[in-house]
PDB file of N, CA and C in Angstrom:
ATOM      1  N   UNK A   1      78.986 124.595 110.447  1.00  0.00           N
ATOM      2  CA  UNK A   1      79.549 123.598 109.468  1.00  0.00           C
ATOM      3  C   UNK A   1      79.816 121.806 109.664  1.00  0.00           C
ATOM      4  N   UNK A   2      80.523 122.151 110.743  1.00  0.00           N
ATOM      5  CA  UNK A   2      81.574 120.730 111.081  1.00  0.00           C
ATOM      6  C   UNK A   2      79.745 120.157 111.680  1.00  0.00           C
ATOM      7  N   UNK A   3      79.045 120.768 111.863  1.00  0.00           N
ATOM      8  CA  UNK A   3      78.004 119.561 112.707  1.00  0.00           C
ATOM      9  C   UNK A   3      77.193 119.295 111.666  1.00  0.00           C
ATOM     10  N   UNK A   4      76.962 119.755 110.703  1.00  0.00           N
ATOM     11  CA  UNK A   4      76.166 119.386 109.279  1.00  0.00           C
ATOM     12  C   UNK A   4      77.345 117.992 108.422  1.00  0.00           C
ATOM     13  N   UNK A   5      78.822 118.662 108.394  1.00  0.00           N
ATOM     14  CA  UNK A   5      79.219 117.675 107.951  1.00  0.00           C
ATOM     15  C   UNK A   5      79.311 116.182 108.916  1.00  0.00           C
ATOM     16  N   UNK A   6      79.382 116.206 110.129  1.00  0.00           N
ATOM     17  CA  UNK A   6      79.517 114.855 111.206  1.00  0.00           C
ATOM     18  C   UNK A   6      78.104 114.555 110.850  1.00  0.00           C
ATOM     19  N   UNK A   7      76.847 114.953 110.154  1.00  0.00           N
ATOM     20  CA  UNK A   7      75.555 114.616 110.094  1.00  0.00           C
ATOM     21  C   UNK A   7      75.651 113.501 108.814  1.00  0.00           C
ATOM     22  N   UNK A   8      75.760 114.544 108.089  1.00  0.00           N
ATOM     23  CA  UNK A   8      76.012 113.548 106.714  1.00  0.00           C
ATOM     24  C   UNK A   8      77.030 112.415 106.602  1.00  0.00           C
ATOM     25  N   UNK A   9      78.193 112.417 107.245  1.00  0.00           N
ATOM     26  CA  UNK A   9      78.581 111.272 107.415  1.00  0.00           C
ATOM     27  C   UNK A   9      78.469 110.434 107.918  1.00  0.00           C
ATOM     28  N   UNK A  10      77.214 110.718 109.158  1.00  0.00           N
ATOM     29  CA  UNK A  10      76.886 109.677 109.683  1.00  0.00           C
ATOM     30  C   UNK A  10      75.676 108.817 108.937  1.00  0.00           C
ATOM     31  N   UNK A  11      75.312 109.677 108.795  1.00  0.00           N
ATOM     32  CA  UNK A  11      74.654 108.939 107.362  1.00  0.00           C
ATOM     33  C   UNK A  11      74.772 108.243 106.323  1.00  0.00           C
ATOM     34  N   UNK A  12      75.961 108.755 105.458  1.00  0.00           N
ATOM     35  CA  UNK A  12      76.616 108.215 104.857  1.00  0.00           C
ATOM     36  C   UNK A  12      77.243 106.450 105.266  1.00  0.00           C
ATOM     37  N   UNK A  13      77.507 106.736 106.465  1.00  0.00           N
ATOM     38  CA  UNK A  13      78.213 105.626 106.943  1.00  0.00           C
ATOM     39  C   UNK A  13      77.058 104.489 107.306  1.00  0.00           C
ATOM     40  N   UNK A  14      75.899 104.795 107.736  1.00  0.00           N
ATOM     41  CA  UNK A  14      74.577 104.553 108.145  1.00  0.00           C
ATOM     42  C   UNK A  14      74.407 103.605 107.008  1.00  0.00           C
ATOM     43  N   UNK A  15      74.275 104.228 105.880  1.00  0.00           N
ATOM     44  CA  UNK A  15      73.540 103.823 104.851  1.00  0.00           C
ATOM     45  C   UNK A  15      74.677 103.026 104.358  1.00  0.00           C
ATOM     46  N   UNK A  16      76.298 103.105 104.049  1.00  0.00           N
ATOM     47  CA  UNK A  16      77.043 102.145 103.389  1.00  0.00           C
ATOM     48  C   UNK A  16      76.998 100.497 104.414  1.00  0.00           C
ATOM     49  N   UNK A  17      76.886 100.801 105.907  1.00  0.00           N
ATOM     50  CA  UNK A  17      76.483  99.360 106.578  1.00  0.00           C
ATOM     51  C   UNK A  17      75.713  98.599 106.212  1.00  0.00           C
ATOM     52  N   UNK A  18      74.760  99.437 106.046  1.00  0.00           N
ATOM     53  CA  UNK A  18      73.492  98.795 105.586  1.00  0.00           C
ATOM     54  C   UNK A  18      73.392  97.873 104.052  1.00  0.00           C
ATOM     55  N   UNK A  19      74.259  98.515 103.190  1.00  0.00           N
ATOM     56  CA  UNK A  19      74.076  97.803 101.665  1.00  0.00           C
ATOM     57  C   UNK A  19      75.124  96.684 101.992  1.00  0.00           C
ATOM     58  N   UNK A  20      76.283  96.973 102.835  1.00  0.00           N
ATOM     59  CA  UNK A  20      77.422  96.293 102.425  1.00  0.00           C
ATOM     60  C   UNK A  20      76.524  94.821 103.270  1.00  0.00           C
ATOM     61  N   UNK A  21      76.179  94.742 104.281  1.00  0.00           N
ATOM     62  CA  UNK A  21      75.043  93.857 104.523  1.00  0.00           C
ATOM     63  C   UNK A  21      74.168  93.422 104.281  1.00  0.00           C
ATOM     64  N   UNK A  22      73.407  93.415 102.899  1.00  0.00           N
ATOM     65  CA  UNK A  22      72.668  92.635 101.926  1.00  0.00           C
ATOM     66  C   UNK A  22      73.514  91.573 101.413  1.00  0.00           C
ATOM     67  N   UNK A  23      72.728  90.731 100.368  1.00  0.00           N
ATOM     68  CA  UNK A  23      73.084  90.287  99.850  1.00  0.00           C
ATOM     69  C   UNK A  23      73.025  89.982  98.737  1.00  0.00           C
ATOM     70  N   UNK A  24      73.219  91.064  97.848  1.00  0.00           N
ATOM     71  CA  UNK A  24      73.992  91.700  96.256  1.00  0.00           C
ATOM     72  C   UNK A  24      74.636  91.798  96.139  1.00  0.00           C
ATOM     73  N   UNK A  25      75.502  91.481  95.199  1.00  0.00           N
ATOM     74  CA  UNK A  25      76.941  91.536  95.190  1.00  0.00           C
ATOM     75  C   UNK A  25      77.153  93.263  94.603  1.00  0.00           C
ATOM     76  N   UNK A  26      76.041  93.848  93.699  1.00  0.00           N
ATOM     77  CA  UNK A  26      75.633  95.026  93.447  1.00  0.00           C
ATOM     78  C   UNK A  26      75.438  96.107  94.438  1.00  0.00           C
ATOM     79  N   UNK A  27      74.689  95.146  95.753  1.00  0.00           N
ATOM     80  CA  UNK A  27      74.436  96.930  96.831  1.00  0.00           C
ATOM     81  C   UNK A  27      75.894  96.362  97.772  1.00  0.00           C
ATOM     82  N   UNK A  28      76.275  95.512  97.789  1.00  0.00           N
ATOM     83  CA  UNK A  28      77.964  95.200  98.519  1.00  0.00           C
ATOM     84  C   UNK A  28      78.728  96.187  97.825  1.00  0.00           C
ATOM     85  N   UNK A  29      78.921  96.166  96.484  1.00  0.00           N
ATOM     86  CA  UNK A  29      79.468  97.298  96.128  1.00  0.00           C
ATOM     87  C   UNK A  29      79.503  98.736  95.926  1.00  0.00           C
ATOM     88  N   UNK A  30      78.073  99.062  96.202  1.00  0.00           N
ATOM     89  CA  UNK A  30      77.567 100.653  96.156  1.00  0.00           C
ATOM     90  C   UNK A  30      77.745 101.061  97.604  1.00  0.00           C
ATOM     91  N   UNK A  31      77.786 100.306  98.766  1.00  0.00           N
ATOM     92  CA  UNK A  31      77.841 100.403 100.039  1.00  0.00           C
ATOM     93  C   UNK A  31      79.252 100.686 100.590  1.00  0.00           C
ATOM     94  N   UNK A  32      80.339  99.877  99.628  1.00  0.00           N
ATOM     95  CA  UNK A  32      81.633 100.070  99.662  1.00  0.00           C
ATOM     96  C   UNK A  32      82.126 101.584  99.107  1.00  0.00           C
ATOM     97  N   UNK A  33      81.339 101.658  97.915  1.00  0.00           N
ATOM     98  CA  UNK A  33      81.854 103.371  97.318  1.00  0.00           C
ATOM     99  C   UNK A  33      80.858 104.456  98.548  1.00  0.00           C
ATOM    100  N   UNK A  34      80.503 104.015  98.864  1.00  0.00           N
ATOM    101  CA  UNK A  34      79.666 105.117 100.136  1.00  0.00           C
ATOM    102  C   UNK A  34      80.609 104.726 101.537  1.00  0.00           C
ATOM    103  N   UNK A  35      81.102 103.998 101.558  1.00  0.00           N
ATOM    104  CA  UNK A  35      82.012 103.970 102.869  1.00  0.00           C
ATOM    105  C   UNK A  35      83.448 104.972 102.873  1.00  0.00           C
ATOM    106  N   UNK A  36      83.428 104.442 101.069  1.00  0.00           N
ATOM    107  CA  UNK A  36      84.860 105.507 100.963  1.00  0.00           C
ATOM    108  C   UNK A  36      84.685 106.523 101.214  1.00  0.00           C
ATOM    109  N   UNK A  37      83.470 107.269 100.549  1.00  0.00           N
ATOM    110  CA  UNK A  37      82.892 108.135 100.357  1.00  0.00           C
ATOM    111  C   UNK A  37      82.928 109.261 101.965  1.00  0.00           C
ATOM    112  N   UNK A  38      82.218 108.303 102.695  1.00  0.00           N
ATOM    113  CA  UNK A  38      82.046 109.080 103.855  1.00  0.00           C
ATOM    114  C   UNK A  38      83.197 109.099 104.953  1.00  0.00           C
ATOM    115  N   UNK A  39      84.154 108.127 104.829  1.00  0.00           N
ATOM    116  CA  UNK A  39      86.023 108.682 104.887  1.00  0.00           C
ATOM    117  C   UNK A  39      86.462 109.702 104.284  1.00  0.00           C
ATOM    118  N   UNK A  40      86.476 109.635 103.191  1.00  0.00           N
ATOM    119  CA  UNK A  40      86.941 111.227 102.845  1.00  0.00           C
ATOM    120  C   UNK A  40      86.484 112.452 103.470  1.00  0.00           C
ATOM    121  N   UNK A  41      84.878 112.262 103.192  1.00  0.00           N
ATOM    122  CA  UNK A  41      84.552 113.751 104.201  1.00  0.00           C
ATOM    123  C   UNK A  41      84.873 113.707 105.623  1.00  0.00           C
ATOM    124  N   UNK A  42      84.878 112.775 106.039  1.00  0.00           N
ATOM    125  CA  UNK A  42      85.812 112.380 107.352  1.00  0.00           C
ATOM    126  C   UNK A  42      87.012 112.597 107.284  1.00  0.00           C
ATOM    127  N   UNK A  43      87.919 112.766 106.346  1.00  0.00           N
ATOM    128  CA  UNK A  43      89.031 113.378 107.043  1.00  0.00           C
ATOM    129  C   UNK A  43      89.443 114.559 106.500  1.00  0.00           C
ATOM    130  N   UNK A  44      88.030 115.009 105.563  1.00  0.00           N
ATOM    131  CA  UNK A  44      88.359 116.155 105.314  1.00  0.00           C
ATOM    132  C   UNK A  44      87.775 117.233 106.194  1.00  0.00           C
ATOM    133  N   UNK A  45      87.119 117.436 106.962  1.00  0.00           N
ATOM    134  CA  UNK A  45      86.306 117.823 107.820  1.00  0.00           C
ATOM    135  C   UNK A  45      87.190 117.722 109.578  1.00  0.00           C
ATOM    136  N   UNK A  46      88.217 116.103 109.678  1.00  0.00           N
ATOM    137  CA  UNK A  46      88.994 116.368 110.772  1.00  0.00           C
ATOM    138  C   UNK A  46      89.959 117.462 110.735  1.00  0.00           C
ATOM    139  N   UNK A  47      90.176 117.748 109.023  1.00  0.00           N
ATOM    140  CA  UNK A  47      91.617 118.493 108.694  1.00  0.00           C
ATOM    141  C   UNK A  47      90.839 120.163 108.966  1.00  0.00           C
ATOM    142  N   UNK A  48      89.891 120.150 109.211  1.00  0.00           N
ATOM    143  CA  UNK A  48      89.611 121.865 109.454  1.00  0.00           C
ATOM    144  C   UNK A  48      88.315 121.858 108.290  1.00  0.00           C
ATOM    145  N   UNK A  49      87.790 122.757 108.663  1.00  0.00           N
ATOM    146  CA  UNK A  49      87.083 123.347 107.435  1.00  0.00           C
ATOM    147  C   UNK A  49      87.335 124.869 107.237  1.00  0.00           C
ATOM    148  N   UNK A  50      88.077 125.771 107.995  1.00  0.00           N
ATOM    149  CA  UNK A  50      88.273 126.576 108.268  1.00  0.00           C
ATOM    150  C   UNK A  50      89.698 127.282 106.953  1.00  0.00           C
ATOM    151  N   UNK A  51      89.774 128.653 107.093  1.00  0.00           N
ATOM    152  CA  UNK A  51      90.601 129.071 106.248  1.00  0.00           C
ATOM    153  C   UNK A  51      90.109 129.129 105.091  1.00  0.00           C
ATOM    154  N   UNK A  52      90.026 130.567 104.681  1.00  0.00           N
ATOM    155  CA  UNK A  52      89.619 130.980 103.277  1.00  0.00           C
ATOM    156  C   UNK A  52      90.133 131.380 102.641  1.00  0.00           C
ATOM    157  N   UNK A  53      91.409 131.287 102.773  1.00  0.00           N
ATOM    158  CA  UNK A  53      92.814 131.821 101.897  1.00  0.00           C
ATOM    159  C   UNK A  53      93.076 130.802 101.402  1.00  0.00           C
ATOM    160  N   UNK A  54      94.002 130.590 100.094  1.00  0.00           N
ATOM    161  CA  UNK A  54      93.987 129.480  99.388  1.00  0.00           C
ATOM    162  C   UNK A  54      95.905 128.932 100.143  1.00  0.00           C
ATOM    163  N   UNK A  55      96.187 127.886  99.938  1.00  0.00           N
ATOM    164  CA  UNK A  55      96.945 127.025 100.933  1.00  0.00           C
ATOM    165  C   UNK A  55      98.667 127.798 100.368  1.00  0.00           C
ATOM    166  N   UNK A  56      98.471 128.849 100.034  1.00  0.00           N
ATOM    167  CA  UNK A  56      99.810 129.745  99.500  1.00  0.00           C
ATOM    168  C   UNK A  56     100.338 130.547 100.307  1.00  0.00           C
ATOM    169  N   UNK A  57     101.668 130.624 101.139  1.00  0.00           N
ATOM    170  CA  UNK A  57     101.792 131.326 101.946  1.00  0.00           C
ATOM    171  C   UNK A  57     102.783 132.860 101.687  1.00  0.00           C
ATOM    172  N   UNK A  58     102.111 133.512 101.961  1.00  0.00           N
ATOM    173  CA  UNK A  58     102.667 135.428 101.784  1.00  0.00           C
ATOM    174  C   UNK A  58     103.063 136.017 103.294  1.00  0.00           C
ATOM    175  N   UNK A  59     103.723 136.839 102.866  1.00  0.00           N
ATOM    176  CA  UNK A  59     103.645 137.544 103.968  1.00  0.00           C
ATOM    177  C   UNK A  59     102.366 138.434 104.756  1.00  0.00           C
ATOM    178  N   UNK A  60     102.327 138.322 105.795  1.00  0.00           N
ATOM    179  CA  UNK A  60     101.269 138.666 106.731  1.00  0.00           C
ATOM    180  C   UNK A  60     100.100 137.826 106.425  1.00  0.00           C
ATOM    181  N   UNK A  61     100.192 136.561 105.957  1.00  0.00           N
ATOM    182  CA  UNK A  61      98.889 135.598 105.827  1.00  0.00           C
ATOM    183  C   UNK A  61      98.994 135.176 106.988  1.00  0.00           C
ATOM    184  N   UNK A  62      97.541 135.073 107.472  1.00  0.00           N
ATOM    185  CA  UNK A  62      97.345 134.107 109.036  1.00  0.00           C
ATOM    186  C   UNK A  62      96.328 133.267 108.899  1.00  0.00           C
ATOM    187  N   UNK A  63      95.586 133.361 108.233  1.00  0.00           N
ATOM    188  CA  UNK A  63      94.449 131.665 107.674  1.00  0.00           C
ATOM    189  C   UNK A  63      93.940 131.490 106.878  1.00  0.00           C
ATOM    190  N   UNK A  64      94.880 130.588 106.270  1.00  0.00           N
ATOM    191  CA  UNK A  64      94.997 129.723 105.070  1.00  0.00           C
ATOM    192  C   UNK A  64      94.898 128.255 105.053  1.00  0.00           C
ATOM    193  N   UNK A  65      94.174 127.533 103.613  1.00  0.00           N
ATOM    194  CA  UNK A  65      93.493 126.065 104.259  1.00  0.00           C
ATOM    195  C   UNK A  65      94.828 125.212 104.048  1.00  0.00           C
ATOM    196  N   UNK A  66      94.761 124.208 105.110  1.00  0.00           N
ATOM    197  CA  UNK A  66      95.788 123.256 105.123  1.00  0.00           C
ATOM    198  C   UNK A  66      95.723 122.462 103.819  1.00  0.00           C
ATOM    199  N   UNK A  67      96.392 121.956 103.186  1.00  0.00           N
ATOM    200  CA  UNK A  67      96.432 121.259 101.512  1.00  0.00           C
ATOM    201  C   UNK A  67      96.789 119.780 102.230  1.00  0.00           C
ATOM    202  N   UNK A  68      97.361 119.426 102.875  1.00  0.00           N
ATOM    203  CA  UNK A  68      97.703 118.197 103.435  1.00  0.00           C
ATOM    204  C   UNK A  68      96.254 117.166 103.490  1.00  0.00           C
ATOM    205  N   UNK A  69      95.566 117.246 104.026  1.00  0.00           N
ATOM    206  CA  UNK A  69      93.891 116.915 103.923  1.00  0.00           C
ATOM    207  C   UNK A  69      93.589 116.155 102.149  1.00  0.00           C
ATOM    208  N   UNK A  70      93.473 117.284 102.027  1.00  0.00           N
ATOM    209  CA  UNK A  70      92.950 117.842 100.258  1.00  0.00           C
ATOM    210  C   UNK A  70      93.711 116.881  99.717  1.00  0.00           C
ATOM    211  N   UNK A  71      94.855 116.574  99.942  1.00  0.00           N
ATOM    212  CA  UNK A  71      96.008 116.123  99.320  1.00  0.00           C
ATOM    213  C   UNK A  71      96.278 114.501  99.473  1.00  0.00           C
ATOM    214  N   UNK A  72      95.661 114.312 100.935  1.00  0.00           N
ATOM    215  CA  UNK A  72      95.201 112.747 101.141  1.00  0.00           C
ATOM    216  C   UNK A  72      93.673 112.324 100.121  1.00  0.00           C
ATOM    217  N   UNK A  73      92.946 113.204 100.384  1.00  0.00           N
ATOM    218  CA  UNK A  73      91.594 112.753  99.872  1.00  0.00           C
ATOM    219  C   UNK A  73      91.755 112.705  98.286  1.00  0.00           C
ATOM    220  N   UNK A  74      92.277 113.138  97.702  1.00  0.00           N
ATOM    221  CA  UNK A  74      92.618 112.999  96.264  1.00  0.00           C
ATOM    222  C   UNK A  74      93.364 111.734  95.793  1.00  0.00           C
ATOM    223  N   UNK A  75      94.256 111.610  96.485  1.00  0.00           N
ATOM    224  CA  UNK A  75      95.034 109.979  96.977  1.00  0.00           C
ATOM    225  C   UNK A  75      94.085 108.908  96.746  1.00  0.00           C
ATOM    226  N   UNK A  76      93.016 109.352  97.890  1.00  0.00           N
ATOM    227  CA  UNK A  76      92.501 108.519  98.076  1.00  0.00           C
ATOM    228  C   UNK A  76      91.175 108.153  96.857  1.00  0.00           C
ATOM    229  N   UNK A  77      90.502 109.079  96.422  1.00  0.00           N
ATOM    230  CA  UNK A  77      89.840 109.277  95.754  1.00  0.00           C
ATOM    231  C   UNK A  77      90.221 108.108  94.447  1.00  0.00           C
ATOM    232  N   UNK A  78      91.059 108.332  94.191  1.00  0.00           N
ATOM    233  CA  UNK A  78      91.836 107.870  92.667  1.00  0.00           C
ATOM    234  C   UNK A  78      91.896 105.886  93.119  1.00  0.00           C
ATOM    235  N   UNK A  79      92.493 106.060  94.248  1.00  0.00           N
ATOM    236  CA  UNK A  79      92.305 104.403  94.638  1.00  0.00           C
ATOM    237  C   UNK A  79      91.430 104.192  94.677  1.00  0.00           C
ATOM    238  N   UNK A  80      90.287 104.485  95.314  1.00  0.00           N
ATOM    239  CA  UNK A  80      89.341 103.734  95.570  1.00  0.00           C
ATOM    240  C   UNK A  80      88.495 103.582  93.929  1.00  0.00           C
ATOM    241  N   UNK A  81      88.659 104.782  93.111  1.00  0.00           N
ATOM    242  CA  UNK A  81      88.141 104.585  92.195  1.00  0.00           C
ATOM    243  C   UNK A  81      88.507 103.548  91.588  1.00  0.00           C
ATOM    244  N   UNK A  82      90.337 102.890  91.253  1.00  0.00           N
ATOM    245  CA  UNK A  82      90.479 101.999  90.480  1.00  0.00           C
ATOM    246  C   UNK A  82      90.140 100.343  91.029  1.00  0.00           C
ATOM    247  N   UNK A  83      89.900 100.560  92.872  1.00  0.00           N
ATOM    248  CA  UNK A  83      89.479  99.411  93.354  1.00  0.00           C
ATOM    249  C   UNK A  83      88.037  98.961  92.923  1.00  0.00           C
ATOM    250  N   UNK A  84      87.258 100.123  92.937  1.00  0.00           N
ATOM    251  CA  UNK A  84      85.640  99.666  92.304  1.00  0.00           C
ATOM    252  C   UNK A  84      85.864  99.411  90.829  1.00  0.00           C
ATOM    253  N   UNK A  85      86.575  99.740  89.904  1.00  0.00           N
ATOM    254  CA  UNK A  85      86.568  99.264  88.951  1.00  0.00           C
ATOM    255  C   UNK A  85      86.883  97.395  88.806  1.00  0.00           C
ATOM    256  N   UNK A  86      88.029  97.101  89.780  1.00  0.00           N
ATOM    257  CA  UNK A  86      88.426  95.968  89.933  1.00  0.00           C
ATOM    258  C   UNK A  86      87.142  94.998  90.272  1.00  0.00           C
ATOM    259  N   UNK A  87      86.743  95.916  91.485  1.00  0.00           N
ATOM    260  CA  UNK A  87      85.656  95.037  92.103  1.00  0.00           C
ATOM    261  C   UNK A  87      84.469  94.835  90.966  1.00  0.00           C
ATOM    262  N   UNK A  88      83.813  95.595  90.297  1.00  0.00           N
ATOM    263  CA  UNK A  88      82.827  95.869  89.376  1.00  0.00           C
ATOM    264  C   UNK A  88      83.082  94.691  88.318  1.00  0.00           C
ATOM    265  N   UNK A  89      84.375  94.546  87.947  1.00  0.00           N
ATOM    266  CA  UNK A  89      85.243  93.669  86.945  1.00  0.00           C
ATOM    267  C   UNK A  89      84.727  92.018  87.608  1.00  0.00           C
ATOM    268  N   UNK A  90      85.472  92.124  88.586  1.00  0.00           N
ATOM    269  CA  UNK A  90      84.640  90.438  89.203  1.00  0.00           C
ATOM    270  C   UNK A  90      83.887  90.125  89.700  1.00  0.00           C
ATOM    271  N   UNK A  91      82.618  90.938  90.143  1.00  0.00           N
ATOM    272  CA  UNK A  91      81.312  91.243  90.131  1.00  0.00           C
ATOM    273  C   UNK A  91      80.215  90.641  88.604  1.00  0.00           C
ATOM    274  N   UNK A  92      80.783  91.155  88.023  1.00  0.00           N
ATOM    275  CA  UNK A  92      80.518  91.148  86.434  1.00  0.00           C
ATOM    276  C   UNK A  92      80.984  89.531  85.670  1.00  0.00           C
ATOM    277  N   UNK A  93      82.282  89.044  86.295  1.00  0.00           N
ATOM    278  CA  UNK A  93      82.863  87.809  85.886  1.00  0.00           C
ATOM    279  C   UNK A  93      81.839  86.771  87.023  1.00  0.00           C
ATOM    280  N   UNK A  94      81.912  86.782  88.245  1.00  0.00           N
ATOM    281  CA  UNK A  94      81.222  86.430  88.895  1.00  0.00           C
ATOM    282  C   UNK A  94      79.608  86.202  88.521  1.00  0.00           C
ATOM    283  N   UNK A  95      79.052  86.840  88.413  1.00  0.00           N
ATOM    284  CA  UNK A  95      77.493  87.197  87.844  1.00  0.00           C
ATOM    285  C   UNK A  95      77.562  86.269  86.278  1.00  0.00           C
ATOM    286  N   UNK A  96      78.723  85.961  85.490  1.00  0.00           N
ATOM    287  CA  UNK A  96      78.853  85.479  84.368  1.00  0.00           C
ATOM    288  C   UNK A  96      78.959  83.983  84.335  1.00  0.00           C
ATOM    289  N   UNK A  97      79.542  83.476  85.496  1.00  0.00           N
ATOM    290  CA  UNK A  97      79.423  82.382  86.041  1.00  0.00           C
ATOM    291  C   UNK A  97      78.740  81.608  86.745  1.00  0.00           C
ATOM    292  N   UNK A  98      77.770  82.223  87.296  1.00  0.00           N
ATOM    293  CA  UNK A  98      77.175  81.528  88.249  1.00  0.00           C
ATOM    294  C   UNK A  98      75.795  82.142  88.199  1.00  0.00           C
ATOM    295  N   UNK A  99      75.379  82.993  87.224  1.00  0.00           N
ATOM    296  CA  UNK A  99      73.946  83.369  86.831  1.00  0.00           C
ATOM    297  C   UNK A  99      73.229  83.950  87.905  1.00  0.00           C
ATOM    298  N   UNK A 100      74.256  84.446  89.249  1.00  0.00           N
ATOM    299  CA  UNK A 100      73.291  84.976  90.227  1.00  0.00           C
ATOM    300  C   UNK A 100      73.821  86.086  90.721  1.00  0.00           C
ATOM    301  N   UNK A 101      73.572  86.929  91.810  1.00  0.00           N
ATOM    302  CA  UNK A 101      74.172  87.954  92.334  1.00  0.00           C
ATOM    303  C   UNK A 101      73.902  88.042  93.840  1.00  0.00           C
ATOM    304  N   UNK A 102      73.208  86.826  94.405  1.00  0.00           N
ATOM    305  CA  UNK A 102      72.937  86.437  95.862  1.00  0.00           C
ATOM    306  C   UNK A 102      73.658  85.581  96.199  1.00  0.00           C
ATOM    307  N   UNK A 103      74.541  86.392  97.317  1.00  0.00           N
ATOM    308  CA  UNK A 103      75.648  85.799  97.938  1.00  0.00           C
ATOM    309  C   UNK A 103      75.052  84.399  98.405  1.00  0.00           C
ATOM    310  N   UNK A 104      74.181  84.165  99.644  1.00  0.00           N
ATOM    311  CA  UNK A 104      74.136  82.986  99.761  1.00  0.00           C
ATOM    312  C   UNK A 104      73.631  81.949  99.142  1.00  0.00           C
ATOM    313  N   UNK A 105      73.397  82.108  98.042  1.00  0.00           N
ATOM    314  CA  UNK A 105      73.304  81.093  96.925  1.00  0.00           C
ATOM    315  C   UNK A 105      74.962  80.795  95.983  1.00  0.00           C
ATOM    316  N   UNK A 106      75.530  82.091  96.077  1.00  0.00           N
ATOM    317  CA  UNK A 106      76.859  81.095  95.906  1.00  0.00           C
ATOM    318  C   UNK A 106      77.852  80.933  96.460  1.00  0.00           C
ATOM    319  N   UNK A 107      77.607  80.916  98.230  1.00  0.00           N
ATOM    320  CA  UNK A 107      78.139  80.141  99.015  1.00  0.00           C
ATOM    321  C   UNK A 107      77.499  78.440  99.013  1.00  0.00           C
ATOM    322  N   UNK A 108      76.053  78.484  98.595  1.00  0.00           N
ATOM    323  CA  UNK A 108      75.946  77.322  98.389  1.00  0.00           C
ATOM    324  C   UNK A 108      74.854  77.281  99.263  1.00  0.00           C
ATOM    325  N   UNK A 109      74.169  78.151  99.940  1.00  0.00           N
ATOM    326  CA  UNK A 109      73.366  78.226 100.950  1.00  0.00           C
ATOM    327  C   UNK A 109      71.936  77.857 100.087  1.00  0.00           C
ATOM    328  N   UNK A 110      70.545  77.668 100.304  1.00  0.00           N
ATOM    329  CA  UNK A 110      69.676  77.587  99.659  1.00  0.00           C
ATOM    330  C   UNK A 110      68.247  78.234 100.071  1.00  0.00           C
ATOM    331  N   UNK A 111      68.895  79.358 101.075  1.00  0.00           N
ATOM    332  CA  UNK A 111      67.721  79.958 102.312  1.00  0.00           C
ATOM    333  C   UNK A 111      66.971  81.142 100.769  1.00  0.00           C
ATOM    334  N   UNK A 112      65.794  81.124 100.772  1.00  0.00           N
ATOM    335  CA  UNK A 112      65.315  82.143  99.499  1.00  0.00           C
ATOM    336  C   UNK A 112      64.882  83.130 100.746  1.00  0.00           C
ATOM    337  N   UNK A 113      64.911  84.044 101.418  1.00  0.00           N
ATOM    338  CA  UNK A 113      64.388  85.196 101.765  1.00  0.00           C
ATOM    339  C   UNK A 113      64.358  86.278 100.916  1.00  0.00           C
TER     340      UNK A 113
END
């Protein structure tokens, strides 16, 4: 299972870097979202996917799920949701002011590739 998760994390990171390096603000925002989801899966995978019992300790329980990575990821998801909402508002304001979402045109470069 860890091998499948590693492949999925690699694909998410690859797609995120590709989108972040694009010229469109919306693609950059989607890329940062994919990057954060890849980081969440990485933390979850590194915390261990084993453990079939809930994270409640009782007498005789030896195999249980570690709740710390799940708590960290839940906090990170809430924070990334807030940051994504803020970035979307900034992108909307930027588009309303400049009438473009091309990063090169906003910098003053007149290249049209």
